[in-house]
């Protein structure tokens, strides 16, 4: 599954997975300086239970690492993932 980095405007970005013009999964953030404020994660019911949200978060974390950014968790999924795994400690704001 591939995710497309999309600039939404006003320093807002997303990784999105679309199929046949339908948005099936996304993780969004607002960039504030060197911090990605993670504000939303969505996975279509047809894809739930397949680890898609984690793949989205992993992609965003890789983006943060590659660009010297940190991540602040506002979205409930990201908050939970940050609390459950130390693999994101290096990018936590």
N, C-alpha and C. Protein backbone atom coordinates (compact mmCIF):
# COMPACT_ATOMS: atom_id res chain seq x y z
N UNK A 1 0.85 -1.17 0.00
CA UNK A 1 0.00 0.00 0.00
C UNK A 1 0.89 1.24 0.00
N UNK A 2 0.60 2.15 -0.90
CA UNK A 2 1.40 3.37 -1.00
C UNK A 2 0.60 4.56 -0.49
N UNK A 3 1.35 5.50 0.10
CA UNK A 3 0.76 6.73 0.60
C UNK A 3 1.38 7.91 -0.13
N UNK A 4 0.55 8.84 -0.54
CA UNK A 4 0.99 10.02 -1.27
C UNK A 4 1.08 11.20 -0.32
N UNK A 5 2.25 11.84 -0.26
CA UNK A 5 2.39 13.06 0.53
C UNK A 5 1.66 14.17 -0.20
N UNK A 6 0.77 14.84 0.52
CA UNK A 6 -0.07 15.89 -0.06
C UNK A 6 0.03 17.15 0.78
N UNK A 7 0.27 18.28 0.12
CA UNK A 7 0.24 19.57 0.81
C UNK A 7 -1.18 20.09 0.74
N UNK A 8 -1.76 20.37 1.91
CA UNK A 8 -3.15 20.80 2.00
C UNK A 8 -3.29 22.31 2.08
N UNK A 9 -2.18 23.03 2.22
CA UNK A 9 -2.21 24.48 2.36
C UNK A 9 -2.13 24.90 3.81
N UNK A 10 -1.72 26.15 4.04
CA UNK A 10 -1.60 26.70 5.40
C UNK A 10 -0.75 25.82 6.31
N UNK A 11 0.39 25.33 5.78
CA UNK A 11 1.32 24.47 6.53
C UNK A 11 0.68 23.17 6.99
N UNK A 12 -0.37 22.72 6.32
CA UNK A 12 -1.02 21.44 6.61
C UNK A 12 -0.62 20.41 5.55
N UNK A 13 -0.36 19.19 6.01
CA UNK A 13 0.09 18.13 5.13
C UNK A 13 -0.63 16.83 5.48
N UNK A 14 -0.54 15.86 4.59
CA UNK A 14 -1.14 14.55 4.84
C UNK A 14 -0.42 13.48 4.03
N UNK A 15 -0.44 12.28 4.56
CA UNK A 15 -0.18 11.10 3.75
C UNK A 15 -1.54 10.49 3.49
N UNK A 16 -1.83 10.22 2.23
CA UNK A 16 -3.16 9.79 1.82
C UNK A 16 -3.05 8.53 0.97
N UNK A 17 -3.99 7.61 1.17
CA UNK A 17 -4.14 6.45 0.28
C UNK A 17 -5.51 6.56 -0.37
N UNK A 18 -5.50 6.69 -1.69
CA UNK A 18 -6.75 6.78 -2.45
C UNK A 18 -6.84 5.60 -3.41
N UNK A 19 -8.07 5.19 -3.67
CA UNK A 19 -8.31 4.14 -4.66
C UNK A 19 -9.59 4.50 -5.39
N UNK A 20 -9.50 4.54 -6.71
CA UNK A 20 -10.65 4.90 -7.54
C UNK A 20 -11.25 6.23 -7.13
N UNK A 21 -10.37 7.19 -6.78
CA UNK A 21 -10.82 8.53 -6.42
C UNK A 21 -11.41 8.66 -5.03
N UNK A 22 -11.36 7.59 -4.24
CA UNK A 22 -11.92 7.61 -2.89
C UNK A 22 -10.79 7.59 -1.87
N UNK A 23 -10.88 8.50 -0.90
CA UNK A 23 -9.90 8.56 0.17
C UNK A 23 -10.16 7.41 1.15
N UNK A 24 -9.23 6.45 1.21
CA UNK A 24 -9.41 5.29 2.07
C UNK A 24 -8.62 5.36 3.37
N UNK A 25 -7.59 6.20 3.40
CA UNK A 25 -6.79 6.32 4.62
C UNK A 25 -5.97 7.60 4.56
N UNK A 26 -5.79 8.23 5.74
CA UNK A 26 -4.96 9.41 5.79
C UNK A 26 -4.49 9.70 7.19
N UNK A 27 -3.36 10.38 7.27
CA UNK A 27 -2.89 10.95 8.52
C UNK A 27 -2.51 12.38 8.19
N UNK A 28 -2.96 13.32 9.02
CA UNK A 28 -2.74 14.73 8.71
C UNK A 28 -2.01 15.42 9.86
N UNK A 29 -1.32 16.52 9.48
CA UNK A 29 -0.63 17.31 10.48
C UNK A 29 -0.49 18.74 10.01
N UNK A 30 -0.26 19.61 10.98
CA UNK A 30 0.06 21.01 10.73
C UNK A 30 1.50 21.20 11.18
N UNK A 31 2.30 21.81 10.32
CA UNK A 31 3.69 22.06 10.68
C UNK A 31 3.80 23.41 11.36
N UNK A 32 4.34 23.39 12.57
CA UNK A 32 4.59 24.61 13.35
C UNK A 32 6.07 24.63 13.68
N UNK A 33 6.83 25.40 12.90
CA UNK A 33 8.28 25.41 13.06
C UNK A 33 8.84 24.04 12.72
N UNK A 34 9.55 23.45 13.67
CA UNK A 34 10.12 22.12 13.42
C UNK A 34 9.29 21.01 14.06
N UNK A 35 8.00 21.28 14.30
CA UNK A 35 7.11 20.30 14.92
C UNK A 35 5.93 20.00 13.99
N UNK A 36 5.68 18.71 13.82
CA UNK A 36 4.50 18.24 13.10
C UNK A 36 3.42 17.97 14.15
N UNK A 37 2.37 18.76 14.16
CA UNK A 37 1.27 18.58 15.11
C UNK A 37 0.29 17.60 14.46
N UNK A 38 0.34 16.35 14.91
CA UNK A 38 -0.44 15.26 14.33
C UNK A 38 -1.88 15.37 14.82
N UNK A 39 -2.80 15.72 13.90
CA UNK A 39 -4.15 16.07 14.35
C UNK A 39 -5.26 15.14 13.88
N UNK A 40 -4.96 14.19 12.99
CA UNK A 40 -6.07 13.35 12.49
C UNK A 40 -5.53 12.10 11.82
N UNK A 41 -6.17 10.98 12.11
CA UNK A 41 -5.90 9.72 11.41
C UNK A 41 -7.24 9.11 11.03
N UNK A 42 -7.34 8.66 9.78
CA UNK A 42 -8.57 8.04 9.30
C UNK A 42 -8.22 6.80 8.49
N UNK A 43 -8.97 5.72 8.75
CA UNK A 43 -8.86 4.50 7.94
C UNK A 43 -10.29 4.04 7.64
N UNK A 44 -10.58 3.85 6.37
CA UNK A 44 -11.89 3.39 5.94
C UNK A 44 -12.20 2.03 6.59
N UNK A 45 -13.46 1.79 6.95
CA UNK A 45 -13.82 0.52 7.56
C UNK A 45 -13.37 -0.71 6.75
N UNK A 46 -13.30 -0.59 5.44
CA UNK A 46 -12.89 -1.73 4.61
C UNK A 46 -11.43 -2.11 4.81
N UNK A 47 -10.63 -1.21 5.41
CA UNK A 47 -9.21 -1.47 5.62
C UNK A 47 -8.84 -1.66 7.09
N UNK A 48 -9.79 -1.49 7.98
CA UNK A 48 -9.48 -1.58 9.41
C UNK A 48 -9.05 -2.99 9.79
N UNK A 49 -8.18 -3.04 10.81
CA UNK A 49 -7.68 -4.32 11.29
C UNK A 49 -6.50 -4.84 10.48
N UNK A 50 -5.99 -4.04 9.56
CA UNK A 50 -4.88 -4.47 8.70
C UNK A 50 -3.59 -3.69 8.99
N UNK A 51 -3.58 -2.91 10.07
CA UNK A 51 -2.38 -2.17 10.42
C UNK A 51 -2.14 -0.93 9.58
N UNK A 52 -3.16 -0.45 8.90
CA UNK A 52 -3.00 0.70 8.01
C UNK A 52 -2.67 1.98 8.79
N UNK A 53 -3.32 2.20 9.91
CA UNK A 53 -3.04 3.40 10.71
C UNK A 53 -1.59 3.42 11.17
N UNK A 54 -1.07 2.27 11.58
CA UNK A 54 0.33 2.19 11.99
C UNK A 54 1.26 2.47 10.81
N UNK A 55 0.92 1.96 9.64
CA UNK A 55 1.74 2.23 8.45
C UNK A 55 1.75 3.72 8.13
N UNK A 56 0.60 4.37 8.27
CA UNK A 56 0.54 5.81 8.06
C UNK A 56 1.42 6.55 9.06
N UNK A 57 1.31 6.18 10.34
CA UNK A 57 2.12 6.81 11.37
C UNK A 57 3.60 6.56 11.14
N UNK A 58 3.95 5.35 10.76
CA UNK A 58 5.35 5.03 10.47
C UNK A 58 5.87 5.89 9.31
N UNK A 59 5.07 6.07 8.29
CA UNK A 59 5.46 6.90 7.14
C UNK A 59 5.69 8.35 7.60
N UNK A 60 4.78 8.87 8.42
CA UNK A 60 4.92 10.23 8.93
C UNK A 60 6.15 10.35 9.83
N UNK A 61 6.41 9.35 10.65
CA UNK A 61 7.59 9.36 11.52
C UNK A 61 8.87 9.34 10.69
N UNK A 62 8.89 8.56 9.62
CA UNK A 62 10.05 8.55 8.72
C UNK A 62 10.25 9.93 8.08
N UNK A 63 9.15 10.57 7.71
CA UNK A 63 9.22 11.91 7.15
C UNK A 63 9.84 12.87 8.18
N UNK A 64 9.39 12.77 9.43
CA UNK A 64 9.93 13.61 10.49
C UNK A 64 11.44 13.37 10.65
N UNK A 65 11.83 12.11 10.69
CA UNK A 65 13.26 11.79 10.83
C UNK A 65 14.08 12.33 9.66
N UNK A 66 13.58 12.13 8.46
CA UNK A 66 14.30 12.56 7.26
C UNK A 66 14.45 14.08 7.18
N UNK A 67 13.53 14.81 7.82
CA UNK A 67 13.52 16.26 7.72
C UNK A 67 13.89 16.97 9.03
N UNK A 68 14.39 16.21 10.02
CA UNK A 68 14.81 16.81 11.28
C UNK A 68 13.68 17.44 12.06
N UNK A 69 12.50 16.82 12.01
CA UNK A 69 11.32 17.35 12.68
C UNK A 69 10.95 16.50 13.88
N UNK A 70 10.11 17.05 14.74
CA UNK A 70 9.53 16.32 15.87
C UNK A 70 8.02 16.23 15.64
N UNK A 71 7.37 15.34 16.39
CA UNK A 71 5.94 15.14 16.25
C UNK A 71 5.24 15.35 17.59
N UNK A 72 4.19 16.13 17.56
CA UNK A 72 3.34 16.33 18.74
C UNK A 72 2.02 15.61 18.48
N UNK A 73 1.63 14.75 19.40
CA UNK A 73 0.42 13.94 19.22
C UNK A 73 -0.81 14.66 19.77
N UNK A 74 -1.77 14.98 18.89
CA UNK A 74 -3.08 15.46 19.29
C UNK A 74 -4.15 14.42 18.97
N UNK A 75 -4.01 13.77 17.84
CA UNK A 75 -4.93 12.72 17.40
C UNK A 75 -4.89 11.56 18.39
N UNK A 76 -6.05 11.02 18.74
CA UNK A 76 -6.12 9.95 19.74
C UNK A 76 -5.32 8.71 19.32
N UNK A 77 -5.30 8.39 18.03
CA UNK A 77 -4.54 7.23 17.58
C UNK A 77 -3.04 7.45 17.82
N UNK A 78 -2.55 8.63 17.46
CA UNK A 78 -1.12 8.92 17.61
C UNK A 78 -0.75 8.97 19.10
N UNK A 79 -1.59 9.56 19.93
CA UNK A 79 -1.35 9.58 21.38
C UNK A 79 -1.20 8.15 21.89
N UNK A 80 -2.12 7.29 21.51
CA UNK A 80 -2.09 5.89 21.95
C UNK A 80 -0.84 5.17 21.45
N UNK A 81 -0.50 5.37 20.19
CA UNK A 81 0.68 4.71 19.61
C UNK A 81 1.96 5.19 20.30
N UNK A 82 2.05 6.48 20.58
CA UNK A 82 3.22 7.02 21.27
C UNK A 82 3.34 6.42 22.67
N UNK A 83 2.21 6.23 23.35
CA UNK A 83 2.22 5.67 24.70
C UNK A 83 2.54 4.19 24.72
N UNK A 84 2.22 3.47 23.66
CA UNK A 84 2.39 2.02 23.62
C UNK A 84 3.72 1.56 23.05
N UNK A 85 4.44 2.44 22.37
CA UNK A 85 5.67 2.00 21.70
C UNK A 85 6.78 3.02 21.88
N UNK A 86 7.96 2.52 22.17
CA UNK A 86 9.13 3.39 22.30
C UNK A 86 9.77 3.68 20.94
N UNK A 87 9.25 3.08 19.87
CA UNK A 87 9.87 3.26 18.56
C UNK A 87 9.71 4.67 18.00
N UNK A 88 8.88 5.48 18.65
CA UNK A 88 8.68 6.85 18.21
C UNK A 88 9.35 7.86 19.14
N UNK A 89 10.05 7.38 20.15
CA UNK A 89 10.65 8.29 21.15
C UNK A 89 11.55 9.33 20.52
N UNK A 90 12.26 8.96 19.45
CA UNK A 90 13.20 9.90 18.84
C UNK A 90 12.51 11.06 18.11
N UNK A 91 11.22 10.93 17.82
CA UNK A 91 10.52 11.99 17.11
C UNK A 91 9.46 12.70 17.97
N UNK A 92 9.29 12.27 19.18
CA UNK A 92 8.31 12.92 20.05
C UNK A 92 8.76 14.33 20.40
N UNK A 93 7.83 15.27 20.32
CA UNK A 93 8.15 16.67 20.68
C UNK A 93 8.08 16.82 22.19
